[in-house]
Amino acid sequence: MEDKVIIAVCGYPELYDTSSYFYRNRNKKDLAWKKVSEEVGQSEEMCRKKWKSLRDTYLRERRKETEKRSGSAAGSGKKWKYSAVLSFLDPFVQPSQLCWCMWSQ
C-alpha cells in the first residue's frame, strides 16, 4: 500500500509542494485526496494517515543522515527502503525540518 500512496501523492503537488499556488487551497487538496484514495483503493483517511507517516519517517531518516554527516551520531548506514522513492520531496523540505534544535542539547 505504501508504494501506491507514494506514487499517487507524487502526482498531486498541492499535497506536498508548499510553493504551489494550490497548496493552501483546501478544496483543491480535498479533491486531490479523493483522487489519491480512488487510485489506491483505500479511504481518504487511511491515505492521509499513511502519507503523514511516510513523510514523517522520511524526514526523520533525512535528519539522521544529516546528523551522521555532521559527525554527531554514529549508525549502521542502512537506508530506509522508501528513502530513494521519497527523495522527490527534497526540494520542498525546509532546512529547519531536517535539524534538531542544537540549543536543547
PDB file of N, CA and C in Angstrom:
ATOM      1  N   MET A   1       0.821  -1.198   0.000  1.00  0.00           N
ATOM      2  CA  MET A   1       0.000   0.000   0.000  1.00  0.00           C
ATOM      3  C   MET A   1       0.867   1.265   0.000  1.00  0.00           C
ATOM      4  N   GLU A   2       2.005   1.216   0.693  1.00  0.00           N
ATOM      5  CA  GLU A   2       2.881   2.386   0.774  1.00  0.00           C
ATOM      6  C   GLU A   2       3.307   2.856  -0.614  1.00  0.00           C
ATOM      7  N   ASP A   3       3.699   1.895  -1.460  1.00  0.00           N
ATOM      8  CA  ASP A   3       4.126   2.245  -2.817  1.00  0.00           C
ATOM      9  C   ASP A   3       3.017   2.962  -3.579  1.00  0.00           C
ATOM     10  N   LYS A   4       1.808   2.442  -3.467  1.00  0.00           N
ATOM     11  CA  LYS A   4       0.671   3.036  -4.175  1.00  0.00           C
ATOM     12  C   LYS A   4       0.404   4.460  -3.694  1.00  0.00           C
ATOM     13  N   VAL A   5       0.478   4.670  -2.385  1.00  0.00           N
ATOM     14  CA  VAL A   5       0.231   6.009  -1.824  1.00  0.00           C
ATOM     15  C   VAL A   5       1.300   6.980  -2.318  1.00  0.00           C
ATOM     16  N   ILE A   6       2.549   6.573  -2.269  1.00  0.00           N
ATOM     17  CA  ILE A   6       3.644   7.448  -2.711  1.00  0.00           C
ATOM     18  C   ILE A   6       3.472   7.822  -4.181  1.00  0.00           C
ATOM     19  N   ILE A   7       3.212   6.843  -5.018  1.00  0.00           N
ATOM     20  CA  ILE A   7       3.046   7.097  -6.456  1.00  0.00           C
ATOM     21  C   ILE A   7       1.851   8.012  -6.710  1.00  0.00           C
ATOM     22  N   ALA A   8       0.754   7.770  -6.010  1.00  0.00           N
ATOM     23  CA  ALA A   8      -0.451   8.589  -6.200  1.00  0.00           C
ATOM     24  C   ALA A   8      -0.219  10.023  -5.735  1.00  0.00           C
ATOM     25  N   VAL A   9       0.345  10.207  -4.543  1.00  0.00           N
ATOM     26  CA  VAL A   9       0.565  11.553  -3.998  1.00  0.00           C
ATOM     27  C   VAL A   9       1.544  12.333  -4.869  1.00  0.00           C
ATOM     28  N   CYS A  10       2.526  11.661  -5.419  1.00  0.00           N
ATOM     29  CA  CYS A  10       3.526  12.306  -6.271  1.00  0.00           C
ATOM     30  C   CYS A  10       2.871  13.075  -7.422  1.00  0.00           C
ATOM     31  N   GLY A  11       1.730  12.622  -7.880  1.00  0.00           N
ATOM     32  CA  GLY A  11       1.023  13.270  -8.982  1.00  0.00           C
ATOM     33  C   GLY A  11       0.214  14.497  -8.592  1.00  0.00           C
ATOM     34  N   TYR A  12       0.206  14.833  -7.302  1.00  0.00           N
ATOM     35  CA  TYR A  12      -0.584  15.969  -6.819  1.00  0.00           C
ATOM     36  C   TYR A  12       0.289  16.894  -5.977  1.00  0.00           C
ATOM     37  N   PRO A  13       1.037  17.803  -6.625  1.00  0.00           N
ATOM     38  CA  PRO A  13       1.951  18.693  -5.904  1.00  0.00           C
ATOM     39  C   PRO A  13       1.271  19.537  -4.823  1.00  0.00           C
ATOM     40  N   GLU A  14      -0.013  19.775  -4.966  1.00  0.00           N
ATOM     41  CA  GLU A  14      -0.710  20.570  -3.949  1.00  0.00           C
ATOM     42  C   GLU A  14      -0.701  19.883  -2.584  1.00  0.00           C
ATOM     43  N   LEU A  15      -0.335  18.614  -2.535  1.00  0.00           N
ATOM     44  CA  LEU A  15      -0.292  17.875  -1.272  1.00  0.00           C
ATOM     45  C   LEU A  15       1.072  17.946  -0.586  1.00  0.00           C
ATOM     46  N   TYR A  16       2.106  18.400  -1.294  1.00  0.00           N
ATOM     47  CA  TYR A  16       3.442  18.435  -0.685  1.00  0.00           C
ATOM     48  C   TYR A  16       4.287  19.652  -1.055  1.00  0.00           C
ATOM     49  N   ASP A  17       3.960  20.338  -2.144  1.00  0.00           N
ATOM     50  CA  ASP A  17       4.758  21.481  -2.600  1.00  0.00           C
ATOM     51  C   ASP A  17       4.242  22.767  -1.963  1.00  0.00           C
ATOM     52  N   THR A  18       4.939  23.224  -0.929  1.00  0.00           N
ATOM     53  CA  THR A  18       4.493  24.408  -0.191  1.00  0.00           C
ATOM     54  C   THR A  18       4.538  25.678  -1.035  1.00  0.00           C
ATOM     55  N   SER A  19       5.265  25.652  -2.155  1.00  0.00           N
ATOM     56  CA  SER A  19       5.313  26.834  -3.017  1.00  0.00           C
ATOM     57  C   SER A  19       4.210  26.809  -4.081  1.00  0.00           C
ATOM     58  N   SER A  20       3.471  25.721  -4.138  1.00  0.00           N
ATOM     59  CA  SER A  20       2.392  25.593  -5.116  1.00  0.00           C
ATOM     60  C   SER A  20       1.256  26.568  -4.796  1.00  0.00           C
ATOM     61  N   TYR A  21       0.702  27.138  -5.837  1.00  0.00           N
ATOM     62  CA  TYR A  21      -0.425  28.058  -5.675  1.00  0.00           C
ATOM     63  C   TYR A  21      -1.589  27.361  -4.965  1.00  0.00           C
ATOM     64  N   PHE A  22      -1.758  26.077  -5.216  1.00  0.00           N
ATOM     65  CA  PHE A  22      -2.891  25.330  -4.672  1.00  0.00           C
ATOM     66  C   PHE A  22      -2.622  24.681  -3.316  1.00  0.00           C
ATOM     67  N   TYR A  23      -1.397  24.814  -2.795  1.00  0.00           N
ATOM     68  CA  TYR A  23      -1.053  24.163  -1.529  1.00  0.00           C
ATOM     69  C   TYR A  23      -1.983  24.585  -0.391  1.00  0.00           C
ATOM     70  N   ARG A  24      -2.379  25.835  -0.375  1.00  0.00           N
ATOM     71  CA  ARG A  24      -3.252  26.339   0.700  1.00  0.00           C
ATOM     72  C   ARG A  24      -4.740  26.323   0.331  1.00  0.00           C
ATOM     73  N   ASN A  25      -5.055  25.766  -0.820  1.00  0.00           N
ATOM     74  CA  ASN A  25      -6.438  25.692  -1.273  1.00  0.00           C
ATOM     75  C   ASN A  25      -7.064  24.387  -0.773  1.00  0.00           C
ATOM     76  N   ARG A  26      -7.879  24.497   0.259  1.00  0.00           N
ATOM     77  CA  ARG A  26      -8.470  23.318   0.912  1.00  0.00           C
ATOM     78  C   ARG A  26      -9.292  22.485  -0.073  1.00  0.00           C
ATOM     79  N   ASN A  27     -10.076  23.140  -0.927  1.00  0.00           N
ATOM     80  CA  ASN A  27     -10.906  22.398  -1.885  1.00  0.00           C
ATOM     81  C   ASN A  27     -10.054  21.584  -2.857  1.00  0.00           C
ATOM     82  N   LYS A  28      -9.004  22.210  -3.361  1.00  0.00           N
ATOM     83  CA  LYS A  28      -8.103  21.532  -4.306  1.00  0.00           C
ATOM     84  C   LYS A  28      -7.422  20.336  -3.631  1.00  0.00           C
ATOM     85  N   LYS A  29      -7.000  20.523  -2.383  1.00  0.00           N
ATOM     86  CA  LYS A  29      -6.339  19.434  -1.658  1.00  0.00           C
ATOM     87  C   LYS A  29      -7.321  18.305  -1.339  1.00  0.00           C
ATOM     88  N   ASP A  30      -8.539  18.668  -0.957  1.00  0.00           N
ATOM     89  CA  ASP A  30      -9.554  17.643  -0.680  1.00  0.00           C
ATOM     90  C   ASP A  30      -9.845  16.816  -1.931  1.00  0.00           C
ATOM     91  N   LEU A  31      -9.931  17.501  -3.069  1.00  0.00           N
ATOM     92  CA  LEU A  31     -10.156  16.806  -4.337  1.00  0.00           C
ATOM     93  C   LEU A  31      -8.974  15.883  -4.666  1.00  0.00           C
ATOM     94  N   ALA A  32      -7.770  16.371  -4.413  1.00  0.00           N
ATOM     95  CA  ALA A  32      -6.574  15.557  -4.664  1.00  0.00           C
ATOM     96  C   ALA A  32      -6.581  14.310  -3.778  1.00  0.00           C
ATOM     97  N   TRP A  33      -6.950  14.465  -2.510  1.00  0.00           N
ATOM     98  CA  TRP A  33      -7.001  13.304  -1.613  1.00  0.00           C
ATOM     99  C   TRP A  33      -8.073  12.315  -2.060  1.00  0.00           C
ATOM    100  N   LYS A  34      -9.164  12.846  -2.572  1.00  0.00           N
ATOM    101  CA  LYS A  34     -10.223  11.960  -3.077  1.00  0.00           C
ATOM    102  C   LYS A  34      -9.687  11.123  -4.247  1.00  0.00           C
ATOM    103  N   LYS A  35      -8.949  11.776  -5.153  1.00  0.00           N
ATOM    104  CA  LYS A  35      -8.384  11.071  -6.305  1.00  0.00           C
ATOM    105  C   LYS A  35      -7.318  10.063  -5.871  1.00  0.00           C
ATOM    106  N   VAL A  36      -6.493  10.455  -4.898  1.00  0.00           N
ATOM    107  CA  VAL A  36      -5.474   9.537  -4.371  1.00  0.00           C
ATOM    108  C   VAL A  36      -6.153   8.305  -3.799  1.00  0.00           C
ATOM    109  N   SER A  37      -7.211   8.530  -3.031  1.00  0.00           N
ATOM    110  CA  SER A  37      -7.949   7.429  -2.411  1.00  0.00           C
ATOM    111  C   SER A  37      -8.509   6.478  -3.464  1.00  0.00           C
ATOM    112  N   GLU A  38      -9.020   7.029  -4.557  1.00  0.00           N
ATOM    113  CA  GLU A  38      -9.549   6.197  -5.645  1.00  0.00           C
ATOM    114  C   GLU A  38      -8.429   5.395  -6.316  1.00  0.00           C
ATOM    115  N   GLU A  39      -7.284   6.037  -6.525  1.00  0.00           N
ATOM    116  CA  GLU A  39      -6.152   5.360  -7.168  1.00  0.00           C
ATOM    117  C   GLU A  39      -5.602   4.229  -6.300  1.00  0.00           C
ATOM    118  N   VAL A  40      -5.571   4.467  -4.995  1.00  0.00           N
ATOM    119  CA  VAL A  40      -5.000   3.491  -4.064  1.00  0.00           C
ATOM    120  C   VAL A  40      -6.011   2.408  -3.696  1.00  0.00           C
ATOM    121  N   GLY A  41      -7.292   2.770  -3.717  1.00  0.00           N
ATOM    122  CA  GLY A  41      -8.327   1.812  -3.343  1.00  0.00           C
ATOM    123  C   GLY A  41      -8.540   1.722  -1.845  1.00  0.00           C
ATOM    124  N   GLN A  42      -8.216   2.806  -1.143  1.00  0.00           N
ATOM    125  CA  GLN A  42      -8.399   2.886   0.312  1.00  0.00           C
ATOM    126  C   GLN A  42      -9.136   4.186   0.628  1.00  0.00           C
ATOM    127  N   SER A  43      -9.585   4.316   1.863  1.00  0.00           N
ATOM    128  CA  SER A  43     -10.301   5.533   2.262  1.00  0.00           C
ATOM    129  C   SER A  43      -9.352   6.733   2.264  1.00  0.00           C
ATOM    130  N   GLU A  44      -9.939   7.922   2.137  1.00  0.00           N
ATOM    131  CA  GLU A  44      -9.139   9.147   2.187  1.00  0.00           C
ATOM    132  C   GLU A  44      -8.388   9.232   3.506  1.00  0.00           C
ATOM    133  N   GLU A  45      -9.078   8.921   4.588  1.00  0.00           N
ATOM    134  CA  GLU A  45      -8.460   8.997   5.918  1.00  0.00           C
ATOM    135  C   GLU A  45      -7.241   8.075   6.003  1.00  0.00           C
ATOM    136  N   MET A  46      -7.380   6.870   5.493  1.00  0.00           N
ATOM    137  CA  MET A  46      -6.269   5.909   5.516  1.00  0.00           C
ATOM    138  C   MET A  46      -5.100   6.422   4.678  1.00  0.00           C
ATOM    139  N   CYS A  47      -5.395   6.985   3.507  1.00  0.00           N
ATOM    140  CA  CYS A  47      -4.345   7.518   2.636  1.00  0.00           C
ATOM    141  C   CYS A  47      -3.639   8.699   3.287  1.00  0.00           C
ATOM    142  N   ARG A  48      -4.394   9.581   3.910  1.00  0.00           N
ATOM    143  CA  ARG A  48      -3.803  10.739   4.596  1.00  0.00           C
ATOM    144  C   ARG A  48      -2.889  10.287   5.730  1.00  0.00           C
ATOM    145  N   LYS A  49      -3.367   9.340   6.528  1.00  0.00           N
ATOM    146  CA  LYS A  49      -2.569   8.844   7.657  1.00  0.00           C
ATOM    147  C   LYS A  49      -1.301   8.156   7.163  1.00  0.00           C
ATOM    148  N   LYS A  50      -1.433   7.351   6.127  1.00  0.00           N
ATOM    149  CA  LYS A  50      -0.277   6.637   5.583  1.00  0.00           C
ATOM    150  C   LYS A  50       0.730   7.632   5.022  1.00  0.00           C
ATOM    151  N   TRP A  51       0.257   8.668   4.310  1.00  0.00           N
ATOM    152  CA  TRP A  51       1.156   9.671   3.751  1.00  0.00           C
ATOM    153  C   TRP A  51       1.876  10.428   4.858  1.00  0.00           C
ATOM    154  N   LYS A  52       1.143  10.820   5.886  1.00  0.00           N
ATOM    155  CA  LYS A  52       1.762  11.542   7.002  1.00  0.00           C
ATOM    156  C   LYS A  52       2.840  10.680   7.653  1.00  0.00           C
ATOM    157  N   SER A  53       2.535   9.422   7.850  1.00  0.00           N
ATOM    158  CA  SER A  53       3.505   8.504   8.446  1.00  0.00           C
ATOM    159  C   SER A  53       4.746   8.356   7.558  1.00  0.00           C
ATOM    160  N   LEU A  54       4.542   8.175   6.262  1.00  0.00           N
ATOM    161  CA  LEU A  54       5.657   8.039   5.327  1.00  0.00           C
ATOM    162  C   LEU A  54       6.503   9.309   5.282  1.00  0.00           C
ATOM    163  N   ARG A  55       5.837  10.450   5.199  1.00  0.00           N
ATOM    164  CA  ARG A  55       6.554  11.724   5.123  1.00  0.00           C
ATOM    165  C   ARG A  55       7.337  11.978   6.405  1.00  0.00           C
ATOM    166  N   ASP A  56       6.706  11.755   7.555  1.00  0.00           N
ATOM    167  CA  ASP A  56       7.379  11.964   8.840  1.00  0.00           C
ATOM    168  C   ASP A  56       8.586  11.043   8.992  1.00  0.00           C
ATOM    169  N   THR A  57       8.425   9.795   8.594  1.00  0.00           N
ATOM    170  CA  THR A  57       9.540   8.847   8.673  1.00  0.00           C
ATOM    171  C   THR A  57      10.665   9.273   7.740  1.00  0.00           C
ATOM    172  N   TYR A  58      10.308   9.738   6.546  1.00  0.00           N
ATOM    173  CA  TYR A  58      11.323  10.202   5.602  1.00  0.00           C
ATOM    174  C   TYR A  58      12.105  11.376   6.188  1.00  0.00           C
ATOM    175  N   LEU A  59      11.404  12.329   6.775  1.00  0.00           N
ATOM    176  CA  LEU A  59      12.079  13.487   7.372  1.00  0.00           C
ATOM    177  C   LEU A  59      12.975  13.057   8.531  1.00  0.00           C
ATOM    178  N   ARG A  60      12.506  12.116   9.335  1.00  0.00           N
ATOM    179  CA  ARG A  60      13.297  11.590  10.451  1.00  0.00           C
ATOM    180  C   ARG A  60      14.577  10.924   9.925  1.00  0.00           C
ATOM    181  N   GLU A  61      14.438  10.144   8.869  1.00  0.00           N
ATOM    182  CA  GLU A  61      15.600   9.474   8.277  1.00  0.00           C
ATOM    183  C   GLU A  61      16.582  10.490   7.681  1.00  0.00           C
ATOM    184  N   ARG A  62      16.055  11.500   7.027  1.00  0.00           N
ATOM    185  CA  ARG A  62      16.914  12.561   6.471  1.00  0.00           C
ATOM    186  C   ARG A  62      17.655  13.288   7.587  1.00  0.00           C
ATOM    187  N   ARG A  63      16.951  13.525   8.696  1.00  0.00           N
ATOM    188  CA  ARG A  63      17.548  14.183   9.854  1.00  0.00           C
ATOM    189  C   ARG A  63      18.723  13.349  10.382  1.00  0.00           C
ATOM    190  N   LYS A  64      18.503  12.040  10.511  1.00  0.00           N
ATOM    191  CA  LYS A  64      19.570  11.141  10.982  1.00  0.00           C
ATOM    192  C   LYS A  64      20.765  11.193  10.035  1.00  0.00           C
ATOM    193  N   GLU A  65      20.483  11.201   8.751  1.00  0.00           N
ATOM    194  CA  GLU A  65      21.539  11.254   7.739  1.00  0.00           C
ATOM    195  C   GLU A  65      22.336  12.549   7.861  1.00  0.00           C
ATOM    196  N   THR A  66      21.638  13.653   8.075  1.00  0.00           N
ATOM    197  CA  THR A  66      22.287  14.954   8.231  1.00  0.00           C
ATOM    198  C   THR A  66      23.161  14.963   9.474  1.00  0.00           C
ATOM    199  N   GLU A  67      22.652  14.397  10.562  1.00  0.00           N
ATOM    200  CA  GLU A  67      23.425  14.339  11.805  1.00  0.00           C
ATOM    201  C   GLU A  67      24.663  13.467  11.636  1.00  0.00           C
ATOM    202  N   LYS A  68      24.526  12.360  10.917  1.00  0.00           N
ATOM    203  CA  LYS A  68      25.665  11.468  10.684  1.00  0.00           C
ATOM    204  C   LYS A  68      26.770  12.198   9.931  1.00  0.00           C
ATOM    205  N   ARG A  69      26.378  12.961   8.941  1.00  0.00           N
ATOM    206  CA  ARG A  69      27.364  13.691   8.143  1.00  0.00           C
ATOM    207  C   ARG A  69      28.073  14.749   8.969  1.00  0.00           C
ATOM    208  N   SER A  70      27.374  15.301   9.972  1.00  0.00           N
ATOM    209  CA  SER A  70      27.993  16.330  10.802  1.00  0.00           C
ATOM    210  C   SER A  70      28.862  15.706  11.886  1.00  0.00           C
ATOM    211  N   GLY A  71      28.829  14.381  11.998  1.00  0.00           N
ATOM    212  CA  GLY A  71      29.677  13.694  12.956  1.00  0.00           C
ATOM    213  C   GLY A  71      29.092  13.570  14.345  1.00  0.00           C
ATOM    214  N   SER A  72      27.844  13.965  14.528  1.00  0.00           N
ATOM    215  CA  SER A  72      27.256  13.929  15.863  1.00  0.00           C
ATOM    216  C   SER A  72      26.567  12.615  16.190  1.00  0.00           C
ATOM    217  N   ALA A  73      26.478  11.713  15.234  1.00  0.00           N
ATOM    218  CA  ALA A  73      25.823  10.430  15.504  1.00  0.00           C
ATOM    219  C   ALA A  73      26.467   9.337  14.666  1.00  0.00           C
ATOM    220  N   ALA A  74      26.525   8.164  15.244  1.00  0.00           N
ATOM    221  CA  ALA A  74      27.054   7.019  14.503  1.00  0.00           C
ATOM    222  C   ALA A  74      25.905   6.082  14.191  1.00  0.00           C
ATOM    223  N   GLY A  75      26.009   5.366  13.098  1.00  0.00           N
ATOM    224  CA  GLY A  75      24.934   4.452  12.740  1.00  0.00           C
ATOM    225  C   GLY A  75      25.411   3.408  11.755  1.00  0.00           C
ATOM    226  N   SER A  76      24.530   2.514  11.420  1.00  0.00           N
ATOM    227  CA  SER A  76      24.877   1.408  10.532  1.00  0.00           C
ATOM    228  C   SER A  76      24.967   1.841   9.074  1.00  0.00           C
ATOM    229  N   GLY A  77      24.361   2.950   8.734  1.00  0.00           N
ATOM    230  CA  GLY A  77      24.388   3.420   7.359  1.00  0.00           C
ATOM    231  C   GLY A  77      23.321   2.799   6.481  1.00  0.00           C
ATOM    232  N   LYS A  78      22.492   1.938   7.039  1.00  0.00           N
ATOM    233  CA  LYS A  78      21.427   1.308   6.260  1.00  0.00           C
ATOM    234  C   LYS A  78      20.308   2.322   6.035  1.00  0.00           C
ATOM    235  N   LYS A  79      19.915   2.470   4.773  1.00  0.00           N
ATOM    236  CA  LYS A  79      18.863   3.438   4.445  1.00  0.00           C
ATOM    237  C   LYS A  79      17.484   2.804   4.530  1.00  0.00           C
ATOM    238  N   TRP A  80      16.521   3.626   4.883  1.00  0.00           N
ATOM    239  CA  TRP A  80      15.124   3.216   4.925  1.00  0.00           C
ATOM    240  C   TRP A  80      14.692   2.879   3.502  1.00  0.00           C
ATOM    241  N   LYS A  81      13.859   1.872   3.333  1.00  0.00           N
ATOM    242  CA  LYS A  81      13.553   1.376   1.988  1.00  0.00           C
ATOM    243  C   LYS A  81      12.818   2.359   1.085  1.00  0.00           C
ATOM    244  N   TYR A  82      12.165   3.368   1.638  1.00  0.00           N
ATOM    245  CA  TYR A  82      11.451   4.336   0.800  1.00  0.00           C
ATOM    246  C   TYR A  82      12.218   5.653   0.626  1.00  0.00           C
ATOM    247  N   SER A  83      13.438   5.723   1.141  1.00  0.00           N
ATOM    248  CA  SER A  83      14.212   6.969   1.052  1.00  0.00           C
ATOM    249  C   SER A  83      14.399   7.444  -0.382  1.00  0.00           C
ATOM    250  N   ALA A  84      14.797   6.551  -1.255  1.00  0.00           N
ATOM    251  CA  ALA A  84      15.048   6.941  -2.649  1.00  0.00           C
ATOM    252  C   ALA A  84      13.760   7.369  -3.346  1.00  0.00           C
ATOM    253  N   VAL A  85      12.687   6.649  -3.107  1.00  0.00           N
ATOM    254  CA  VAL A  85      11.405   6.949  -3.761  1.00  0.00           C
ATOM    255  C   VAL A  85      10.865   8.300  -3.300  1.00  0.00           C
ATOM    256  N   LEU A  86      11.054   8.618  -2.022  1.00  0.00           N
ATOM    257  CA  LEU A  86      10.525   9.870  -1.478  1.00  0.00           C
ATOM    258  C   LEU A  86      11.479  11.052  -1.658  1.00  0.00           C
ATOM    259  N   SER A  87      12.600  10.837  -2.302  1.00  0.00           N
ATOM    260  CA  SER A  87      13.556  11.930  -2.489  1.00  0.00           C
ATOM    261  C   SER A  87      12.985  13.064  -3.345  1.00  0.00           C
ATOM    262  N   PHE A  88      11.867  12.815  -4.040  1.00  0.00           N
ATOM    263  CA  PHE A  88      11.228  13.901  -4.798  1.00  0.00           C
ATOM    264  C   PHE A  88      10.759  15.015  -3.862  1.00  0.00           C
ATOM    265  N   LEU A  89      10.671  14.735  -2.560  1.00  0.00           N
ATOM    266  CA  LEU A  89      10.257  15.742  -1.577  1.00  0.00           C
ATOM    267  C   LEU A  89      11.382  16.714  -1.220  1.00  0.00           C
ATOM    268  N   ASP A  90      12.614  16.364  -1.503  1.00  0.00           N
ATOM    269  CA  ASP A  90      13.761  17.167  -1.074  1.00  0.00           C
ATOM    270  C   ASP A  90      13.653  18.660  -1.402  1.00  0.00           C
ATOM    271  N   PRO A  91      13.249  19.046  -2.612  1.00  0.00           N
ATOM    272  CA  PRO A  91      13.159  20.484  -2.896  1.00  0.00           C
ATOM    273  C   PRO A  91      12.094  21.211  -2.061  1.00  0.00           C
ATOM    274  N   PHE A  92      11.196  20.457  -1.444  1.00  0.00           N
ATOM    275  CA  PHE A  92      10.089  21.064  -0.711  1.00  0.00           C
ATOM    276  C   PHE A  92      10.260  20.988   0.800  1.00  0.00           C
ATOM    277  N   VAL A  93      11.388  20.438   1.248  1.00  0.00           N
ATOM    278  CA  VAL A  93      11.649  20.286   2.677  1.00  0.00           C
ATOM    279  C   VAL A  93      12.437  21.490   3.168  1.00  0.00           C
ATOM    280  N   GLN A  94      11.954  22.102   4.234  1.00  0.00           N
ATOM    281  CA  GLN A  94      12.638  23.237   4.833  1.00  0.00           C
ATOM    282  C   GLN A  94      13.838  22.733   5.625  1.00  0.00           C
ATOM    283  N   PRO A  95      14.968  23.442   5.593  1.00  0.00           N
ATOM    284  CA  PRO A  95      16.130  23.004   6.379  1.00  0.00           C
ATOM    285  C   PRO A  95      15.798  22.819   7.865  1.00  0.00           C
ATOM    286  N   SER A  96      14.892  23.622   8.385  1.00  0.00           N
ATOM    287  CA  SER A  96      14.521  23.505   9.800  1.00  0.00           C
ATOM    288  C   SER A  96      13.844  22.170  10.094  1.00  0.00           C
ATOM    289  N   GLN A  97      13.267  21.528   9.082  1.00  0.00           N
ATOM    290  CA  GLN A  97      12.633  20.230   9.278  1.00  0.00           C
ATOM    291  C   GLN A  97      13.669  19.115   9.359  1.00  0.00           C
ATOM    292  N   LEU A  98      14.899  19.410   8.973  1.00  0.00           N
ATOM    293  CA  LEU A  98      15.949  18.397   8.987  1.00  0.00           C
ATOM    294  C   LEU A  98      16.897  18.540  10.172  1.00  0.00           C
ATOM    295  N   CYS A  99      16.814  19.648  10.900  1.00  0.00           N
ATOM    296  CA  CYS A  99      17.745  19.890  12.002  1.00  0.00           C
ATOM    297  C   CYS A  99      17.024  19.903  13.338  1.00  0.00           C
ATOM    298  N   TRP A 100      17.606  19.225  14.293  1.00  0.00           N
ATOM    299  CA  TRP A 100      17.089  19.305  15.663  1.00  0.00           C
ATOM    300  C   TRP A 100      17.611  20.596  16.259  1.00  0.00           C
ATOM    301  N   CYS A 101      16.921  21.098  17.194  1.00  0.00           N
ATOM    302  CA  CYS A 101      17.341  22.330  17.860  1.00  0.00           C
ATOM    303  C   CYS A 101      18.636  22.060  18.631  1.00  0.00           C
ATOM    304  N   MET A 102      19.712  22.694  18.245  1.00  0.00           N
ATOM    305  CA  MET A 102      21.005  22.488  18.895  1.00  0.00           C
ATOM    306  C   MET A 102      21.024  23.063  20.308  1.00  0.00           C
ATOM    307  N   TRP A 103      20.118  23.978  20.568  1.00  0.00           N
ATOM    308  CA  TRP A 103      20.079  24.616  21.876  1.00  0.00           C
ATOM    309  C   TRP A 103      19.607  23.649  22.954  1.00  0.00           C
ATOM    310  N   SER A 104      18.864  22.634  22.575  1.00  0.00           N
ATOM    311  CA  SER A 104      18.289  21.721  23.561  1.00  0.00           C
ATOM    312  C   SER A 104      19.288  20.665  24.026  1.00  0.00           C
ATOM    313  N   GLN A 105      20.469  20.616  23.418  1.00  0.00           N
ATOM    314  CA  GLN A 105      21.443  19.575  23.783  1.00  0.00           C
ATOM    315  C   GLN A 105      22.348  19.994  24.898  1.00  0.00           C
TER     316      GLN A 105
END
